[in-house]
């Protein structure tokens, strides 16, 4: 499933970060990634618990391929992670820090649940 946000919903967006409603949280499977196009940007969404969703850039920093939604969800201690499906670099889902190569960083975005919908701040 690819979720596409209607751009008309955010005509009042400014240069500052804006919250974007993406989809009902129930449309995301637990422990599975999905890609979304939000305000022209590809984002990978990961639902790791009933009410916990992470959002990162869909573009793999190492290869520039848009594949992160197909990555492998895991953890490093208490930190939720995503491993790139291509070269297996491991990134912190909260900060975007790369545990396996400090030169790489994945853009990470704030998320929240509002009335059963996932919202992402870009």
N, C-alpha and C. Protein backbone atom coordinates (compact mmCIF):
# COMPACT_ATOMS: atom_id res chain seq x y z
N UNK A 1 0.85 -1.18 0.00
CA UNK A 1 0.00 0.00 0.00
C UNK A 1 0.88 1.23 0.00
N UNK A 2 0.60 2.17 -0.85
CA UNK A 2 1.24 3.47 -0.82
C UNK A 2 0.18 4.49 -0.46
N UNK A 3 0.45 5.30 0.53
CA UNK A 3 -0.49 6.31 1.00
C UNK A 3 -0.09 7.64 0.38
N UNK A 4 -1.04 8.32 -0.25
CA UNK A 4 -0.74 9.61 -0.86
C UNK A 4 -1.58 10.68 -0.20
N UNK A 5 -0.93 11.71 0.29
CA UNK A 5 -1.62 12.83 0.94
C UNK A 5 -2.09 13.80 -0.13
N UNK A 6 -3.31 14.25 -0.01
CA UNK A 6 -3.86 15.26 -0.91
C UNK A 6 -3.18 16.60 -0.61
N UNK A 7 -2.42 17.12 -1.55
CA UNK A 7 -1.69 18.37 -1.33
C UNK A 7 -2.62 19.55 -1.06
N UNK A 8 -3.81 19.53 -1.56
CA UNK A 8 -4.73 20.65 -1.35
C UNK A 8 -5.05 20.84 0.12
N UNK A 9 -4.88 19.79 0.91
CA UNK A 9 -5.17 19.85 2.34
C UNK A 9 -4.26 20.85 3.06
N UNK A 10 -3.10 21.17 2.49
CA UNK A 10 -2.13 22.01 3.18
C UNK A 10 -1.79 23.28 2.40
N UNK A 11 -2.76 23.93 1.83
CA UNK A 11 -2.50 25.15 1.07
C UNK A 11 -1.99 26.29 1.94
N UNK A 12 -2.21 26.22 3.25
CA UNK A 12 -1.76 27.28 4.14
C UNK A 12 -0.38 27.01 4.72
N UNK A 13 0.31 25.98 4.23
CA UNK A 13 1.63 25.65 4.75
C UNK A 13 2.60 26.81 4.54
N UNK A 14 3.48 26.98 5.50
CA UNK A 14 4.48 28.04 5.41
C UNK A 14 5.86 27.41 5.32
N UNK A 15 6.89 28.23 5.39
CA UNK A 15 8.27 27.74 5.32
C UNK A 15 8.65 26.97 6.58
N UNK A 16 7.88 27.11 7.64
CA UNK A 16 8.16 26.36 8.87
C UNK A 16 7.56 24.97 8.76
N UNK A 17 7.93 24.12 9.70
CA UNK A 17 7.41 22.75 9.71
C UNK A 17 5.90 22.77 9.88
N UNK A 18 5.25 21.85 9.19
CA UNK A 18 3.79 21.76 9.20
C UNK A 18 3.38 20.32 9.45
N UNK A 19 2.32 20.13 10.22
CA UNK A 19 1.77 18.79 10.44
C UNK A 19 0.88 18.42 9.26
N UNK A 20 1.06 17.18 8.76
CA UNK A 20 0.29 16.67 7.63
C UNK A 20 -0.43 15.39 8.05
N UNK A 21 -1.74 15.36 7.85
CA UNK A 21 -2.52 14.15 8.12
C UNK A 21 -2.27 13.17 6.98
N UNK A 22 -1.91 11.93 7.33
CA UNK A 22 -1.52 10.97 6.31
C UNK A 22 -2.58 9.89 6.09
N UNK A 23 -2.91 9.14 7.13
CA UNK A 23 -3.87 8.05 6.99
C UNK A 23 -4.32 7.58 8.37
N UNK A 24 -5.39 6.79 8.44
CA UNK A 24 -5.77 6.21 9.72
C UNK A 24 -4.67 5.26 10.20
N UNK A 25 -4.38 5.27 11.49
CA UNK A 25 -3.33 4.42 12.03
C UNK A 25 -3.63 2.95 11.77
N UNK A 26 -4.89 2.57 11.73
CA UNK A 26 -5.27 1.18 11.50
C UNK A 26 -4.92 0.68 10.10
N UNK A 27 -4.61 1.59 9.17
CA UNK A 27 -4.21 1.17 7.83
C UNK A 27 -2.77 0.70 7.76
N UNK A 28 -2.00 0.93 8.81
CA UNK A 28 -0.61 0.45 8.85
C UNK A 28 -0.54 -0.83 9.65
N UNK A 29 0.12 -1.82 9.10
CA UNK A 29 0.32 -3.08 9.82
C UNK A 29 1.44 -2.92 10.83
N UNK A 30 1.32 -3.62 11.95
CA UNK A 30 2.39 -3.61 12.95
C UNK A 30 3.66 -4.22 12.36
N UNK A 31 4.81 -3.62 12.70
CA UNK A 31 6.13 -4.13 12.31
C UNK A 31 6.31 -4.21 10.79
N UNK A 32 5.70 -3.29 10.09
CA UNK A 32 5.79 -3.28 8.63
C UNK A 32 5.91 -1.85 8.16
N UNK A 33 6.69 -1.60 7.13
CA UNK A 33 6.85 -0.26 6.59
C UNK A 33 5.93 0.01 5.43
N UNK A 34 5.55 1.26 5.28
CA UNK A 34 4.75 1.73 4.14
C UNK A 34 5.31 3.06 3.66
N UNK A 35 5.23 3.29 2.37
CA UNK A 35 5.69 4.55 1.79
C UNK A 35 4.52 5.50 1.64
N UNK A 36 4.78 6.79 1.86
CA UNK A 36 3.76 7.83 1.69
C UNK A 36 4.39 9.01 0.97
N UNK A 37 3.60 9.67 0.15
CA UNK A 37 4.03 10.90 -0.49
C UNK A 37 3.34 12.04 0.26
N UNK A 38 4.14 12.83 0.97
CA UNK A 38 3.60 13.89 1.81
C UNK A 38 4.19 15.21 1.35
N UNK A 39 3.33 16.08 0.86
CA UNK A 39 3.76 17.40 0.37
C UNK A 39 4.94 17.28 -0.59
N UNK A 40 4.88 16.29 -1.48
CA UNK A 40 5.91 16.10 -2.49
C UNK A 40 7.15 15.37 -2.02
N UNK A 41 7.16 14.89 -0.79
CA UNK A 41 8.33 14.19 -0.24
C UNK A 41 7.98 12.75 0.07
N UNK A 42 8.85 11.81 -0.34
CA UNK A 42 8.64 10.41 -0.04
C UNK A 42 9.09 10.12 1.39
N UNK A 43 8.17 9.54 2.17
CA UNK A 43 8.41 9.25 3.58
C UNK A 43 8.08 7.78 3.84
N UNK A 44 8.89 7.13 4.67
CA UNK A 44 8.63 5.75 5.09
C UNK A 44 8.02 5.79 6.48
N UNK A 45 6.90 5.10 6.66
CA UNK A 45 6.20 5.05 7.94
C UNK A 45 6.31 3.65 8.53
N UNK A 46 6.53 3.58 9.84
CA UNK A 46 6.66 2.30 10.53
C UNK A 46 5.81 2.32 11.79
N UNK A 47 4.88 1.39 11.88
CA UNK A 47 4.06 1.25 13.09
C UNK A 47 4.68 0.14 13.92
N UNK A 48 5.27 0.51 15.04
CA UNK A 48 5.99 -0.45 15.88
C UNK A 48 5.18 -0.94 17.07
N UNK A 49 4.10 -0.25 17.38
CA UNK A 49 3.18 -0.63 18.47
C UNK A 49 1.81 -0.07 18.11
N UNK A 50 0.80 -0.43 18.88
CA UNK A 50 -0.57 -0.02 18.56
C UNK A 50 -0.70 1.48 18.35
N UNK A 51 0.00 2.28 19.14
CA UNK A 51 -0.10 3.73 19.00
C UNK A 51 1.26 4.39 18.83
N UNK A 52 2.20 3.69 18.23
CA UNK A 52 3.55 4.24 18.02
C UNK A 52 3.92 4.12 16.55
N UNK A 53 4.14 5.27 15.91
CA UNK A 53 4.49 5.32 14.49
C UNK A 53 5.72 6.20 14.32
N UNK A 54 6.65 5.74 13.51
CA UNK A 54 7.85 6.52 13.18
C UNK A 54 7.82 6.87 11.71
N UNK A 55 8.42 8.02 11.37
CA UNK A 55 8.51 8.46 9.98
C UNK A 55 9.94 8.89 9.68
N UNK A 56 10.48 8.37 8.59
CA UNK A 56 11.83 8.73 8.13
C UNK A 56 11.78 8.92 6.62
N UNK A 57 12.84 9.49 6.08
CA UNK A 57 12.93 9.66 4.64
C UNK A 57 12.89 8.29 3.96
N UNK A 58 12.21 8.21 2.86
CA UNK A 58 12.14 6.96 2.08
C UNK A 58 13.47 6.71 1.37
N UNK A 59 14.26 7.74 1.15
CA UNK A 59 15.51 7.62 0.40
C UNK A 59 16.64 7.09 1.29
N UNK A 60 17.24 5.99 0.87
CA UNK A 60 18.40 5.40 1.55
C UNK A 60 19.60 6.33 1.37
N UNK A 61 20.19 6.84 2.45
CA UNK A 61 21.30 7.79 2.32
C UNK A 61 22.54 7.19 1.63
N UNK A 62 22.73 5.90 1.71
CA UNK A 62 23.91 5.27 1.12
C UNK A 62 23.79 5.10 -0.39
N UNK A 63 22.59 4.79 -0.88
CA UNK A 63 22.42 4.48 -2.30
C UNK A 63 21.54 5.47 -3.05
N UNK A 64 20.83 6.32 -2.31
CA UNK A 64 19.87 7.29 -2.84
C UNK A 64 18.65 6.63 -3.49
N UNK A 65 18.47 5.33 -3.27
CA UNK A 65 17.28 4.63 -3.75
C UNK A 65 16.14 4.81 -2.74
N UNK A 66 14.93 4.93 -3.23
CA UNK A 66 13.76 5.11 -2.37
C UNK A 66 13.21 3.75 -1.94
N UNK A 67 13.83 3.20 -0.88
CA UNK A 67 13.52 1.82 -0.47
C UNK A 67 13.36 1.62 1.03
N UNK A 68 13.47 2.65 1.83
CA UNK A 68 13.53 2.44 3.28
C UNK A 68 12.27 1.80 3.87
N UNK A 69 11.11 1.98 3.25
CA UNK A 69 9.89 1.36 3.76
C UNK A 69 9.97 -0.17 3.70
N UNK A 70 10.89 -0.69 2.93
CA UNK A 70 11.08 -2.14 2.82
C UNK A 70 12.21 -2.63 3.71
N UNK A 71 12.68 -1.77 4.60
CA UNK A 71 13.77 -2.13 5.51
C UNK A 71 13.31 -3.08 6.60
N UNK A 72 14.26 -3.50 7.41
CA UNK A 72 14.02 -4.46 8.48
C UNK A 72 13.95 -3.72 9.81
N UNK A 73 12.80 -3.81 10.48
CA UNK A 73 12.61 -3.16 11.78
C UNK A 73 13.29 -3.98 12.87
N UNK A 74 13.96 -3.29 13.78
CA UNK A 74 14.62 -3.97 14.89
C UNK A 74 14.86 -3.00 16.03
N UNK A 75 15.89 -3.28 16.81
CA UNK A 75 16.24 -2.37 17.91
C UNK A 75 17.70 -2.54 18.27
N UNK A 76 18.24 -1.51 18.85
CA UNK A 76 19.57 -1.52 19.47
C UNK A 76 19.34 -1.10 20.91
N UNK A 77 19.32 -2.06 21.81
CA UNK A 77 18.94 -1.77 23.18
C UNK A 77 17.49 -1.33 23.19
N UNK A 78 17.22 -0.15 23.72
CA UNK A 78 15.85 0.36 23.76
C UNK A 78 15.52 1.24 22.55
N UNK A 79 16.47 1.41 21.63
CA UNK A 79 16.28 2.28 20.47
C UNK A 79 15.66 1.52 19.30
N UNK A 80 14.51 1.97 18.76
CA UNK A 80 13.93 1.34 17.58
C UNK A 80 14.78 1.65 16.35
N UNK A 81 14.97 0.66 15.48
CA UNK A 81 15.84 0.85 14.32
C UNK A 81 15.18 0.36 13.04
N UNK A 82 15.76 0.81 11.93
CA UNK A 82 15.42 0.31 10.61
C UNK A 82 16.74 0.03 9.89
N UNK A 83 16.84 -1.16 9.30
CA UNK A 83 18.02 -1.52 8.52
C UNK A 83 17.67 -1.38 7.04
N UNK A 84 18.53 -0.72 6.30
CA UNK A 84 18.32 -0.56 4.87
C UNK A 84 18.18 -1.93 4.21
N UNK A 85 17.22 -2.08 3.29
CA UNK A 85 17.07 -3.36 2.61
C UNK A 85 18.19 -3.64 1.61
N UNK A 86 19.00 -2.63 1.28
CA UNK A 86 20.05 -2.83 0.28
C UNK A 86 21.38 -3.24 0.90
N UNK A 87 21.96 -2.39 1.74
CA UNK A 87 23.27 -2.69 2.31
C UNK A 87 23.24 -2.94 3.81
N UNK A 88 22.07 -2.93 4.40
CA UNK A 88 21.83 -3.26 5.81
C UNK A 88 22.42 -2.26 6.80
N UNK A 89 22.66 -1.00 6.38
CA UNK A 89 23.04 0.01 7.37
C UNK A 89 21.87 0.14 8.34
N UNK A 90 22.18 0.33 9.64
CA UNK A 90 21.13 0.37 10.66
C UNK A 90 20.99 1.80 11.17
N UNK A 91 19.75 2.32 11.14
CA UNK A 91 19.46 3.69 11.52
C UNK A 91 18.51 3.73 12.72
N UNK A 92 18.70 4.70 13.59
CA UNK A 92 17.81 4.95 14.70
C UNK A 92 16.53 5.60 14.13
N UNK A 93 15.37 5.00 14.40
CA UNK A 93 14.12 5.54 13.87
C UNK A 93 13.73 6.88 14.48
N UNK A 94 14.21 7.18 15.68
CA UNK A 94 13.86 8.44 16.33
C UNK A 94 14.74 9.60 15.88
N UNK A 95 16.03 9.35 15.67
CA UNK A 95 16.96 10.44 15.37
C UNK A 95 17.53 10.41 13.95
N UNK A 96 17.48 9.26 13.28
CA UNK A 96 18.08 9.12 11.96
C UNK A 96 19.56 8.80 11.99
N UNK A 97 20.15 8.73 13.17
CA UNK A 97 21.57 8.41 13.31
C UNK A 97 21.84 7.02 12.75
N UNK A 98 22.95 6.86 12.04
CA UNK A 98 23.34 5.57 11.51
C UNK A 98 24.30 4.90 12.49
N UNK A 99 23.93 3.73 12.98
CA UNK A 99 24.78 3.01 13.94
C UNK A 99 25.98 2.35 13.27
N UNK A 100 25.85 2.00 12.00
CA UNK A 100 26.91 1.24 11.33
C UNK A 100 27.86 2.08 10.51
N UNK A 101 27.49 3.33 10.21
CA UNK A 101 28.36 4.24 9.46
C UNK A 101 28.05 5.67 9.89
N UNK A 102 28.87 6.26 10.76
CA UNK A 102 28.58 7.59 11.29
C UNK A 102 28.54 8.70 10.23
N UNK A 103 28.99 8.44 9.03
CA UNK A 103 28.95 9.44 7.96
C UNK A 103 27.56 9.56 7.34
N UNK A 104 26.69 8.58 7.59
CA UNK A 104 25.35 8.58 7.02
C UNK A 104 24.33 9.04 8.05
N UNK A 105 23.26 9.64 7.59
CA UNK A 105 22.15 10.06 8.46
C UNK A 105 20.87 10.00 7.63
N UNK A 106 19.83 9.51 8.26
CA UNK A 106 18.51 9.38 7.65
C UNK A 106 17.62 10.48 8.24
N UNK A 107 16.95 11.26 7.40
CA UNK A 107 16.05 12.28 7.92
C UNK A 107 14.93 11.60 8.70
N UNK A 108 14.67 12.06 9.92
CA UNK A 108 13.61 11.53 10.76
C UNK A 108 12.62 12.65 11.05
N UNK A 109 11.33 12.32 11.08
CA UNK A 109 10.28 13.31 11.25
C UNK A 109 9.42 12.98 12.47
N UNK A 110 8.94 14.01 13.13
CA UNK A 110 8.04 13.82 14.26
C UNK A 110 6.70 13.28 13.77
N UNK A 111 6.08 12.43 14.58
CA UNK A 111 4.75 11.91 14.28
C UNK A 111 3.85 12.08 15.49
N UNK A 112 2.56 12.07 15.24
CA UNK A 112 1.59 12.08 16.34
C UNK A 112 0.31 11.42 15.82
N UNK A 113 -0.50 10.96 16.77
CA UNK A 113 -1.82 10.40 16.43
C UNK A 113 -2.88 11.39 16.90
N UNK A 114 -3.77 11.75 15.97
CA UNK A 114 -4.85 12.69 16.27
C UNK A 114 -6.15 12.08 15.75
N UNK A 115 -7.05 11.79 16.66
CA UNK A 115 -8.35 11.22 16.29
C UNK A 115 -8.22 9.96 15.43
N UNK A 116 -7.22 9.13 15.73
CA UNK A 116 -7.03 7.88 15.01
C UNK A 116 -6.25 8.01 13.71
N UNK A 117 -5.77 9.21 13.39
CA UNK A 117 -5.00 9.43 12.16
C UNK A 117 -3.54 9.72 12.50
N UNK A 118 -2.66 9.28 11.62
CA UNK A 118 -1.24 9.58 11.74
C UNK A 118 -1.00 10.95 11.12
N UNK A 119 -0.26 11.78 11.85
CA UNK A 119 0.19 13.06 11.32
C UNK A 119 1.70 13.10 11.38
N UNK A 120 2.32 13.65 10.34
CA UNK A 120 3.77 13.76 10.23
C UNK A 120 4.13 15.23 10.09
N UNK A 121 5.17 15.64 10.81
CA UNK A 121 5.63 17.03 10.73
C UNK A 121 6.79 17.12 9.76
N UNK A 122 6.60 17.89 8.70
CA UNK A 122 7.67 18.13 7.72
C UNK A 122 8.04 19.60 7.76
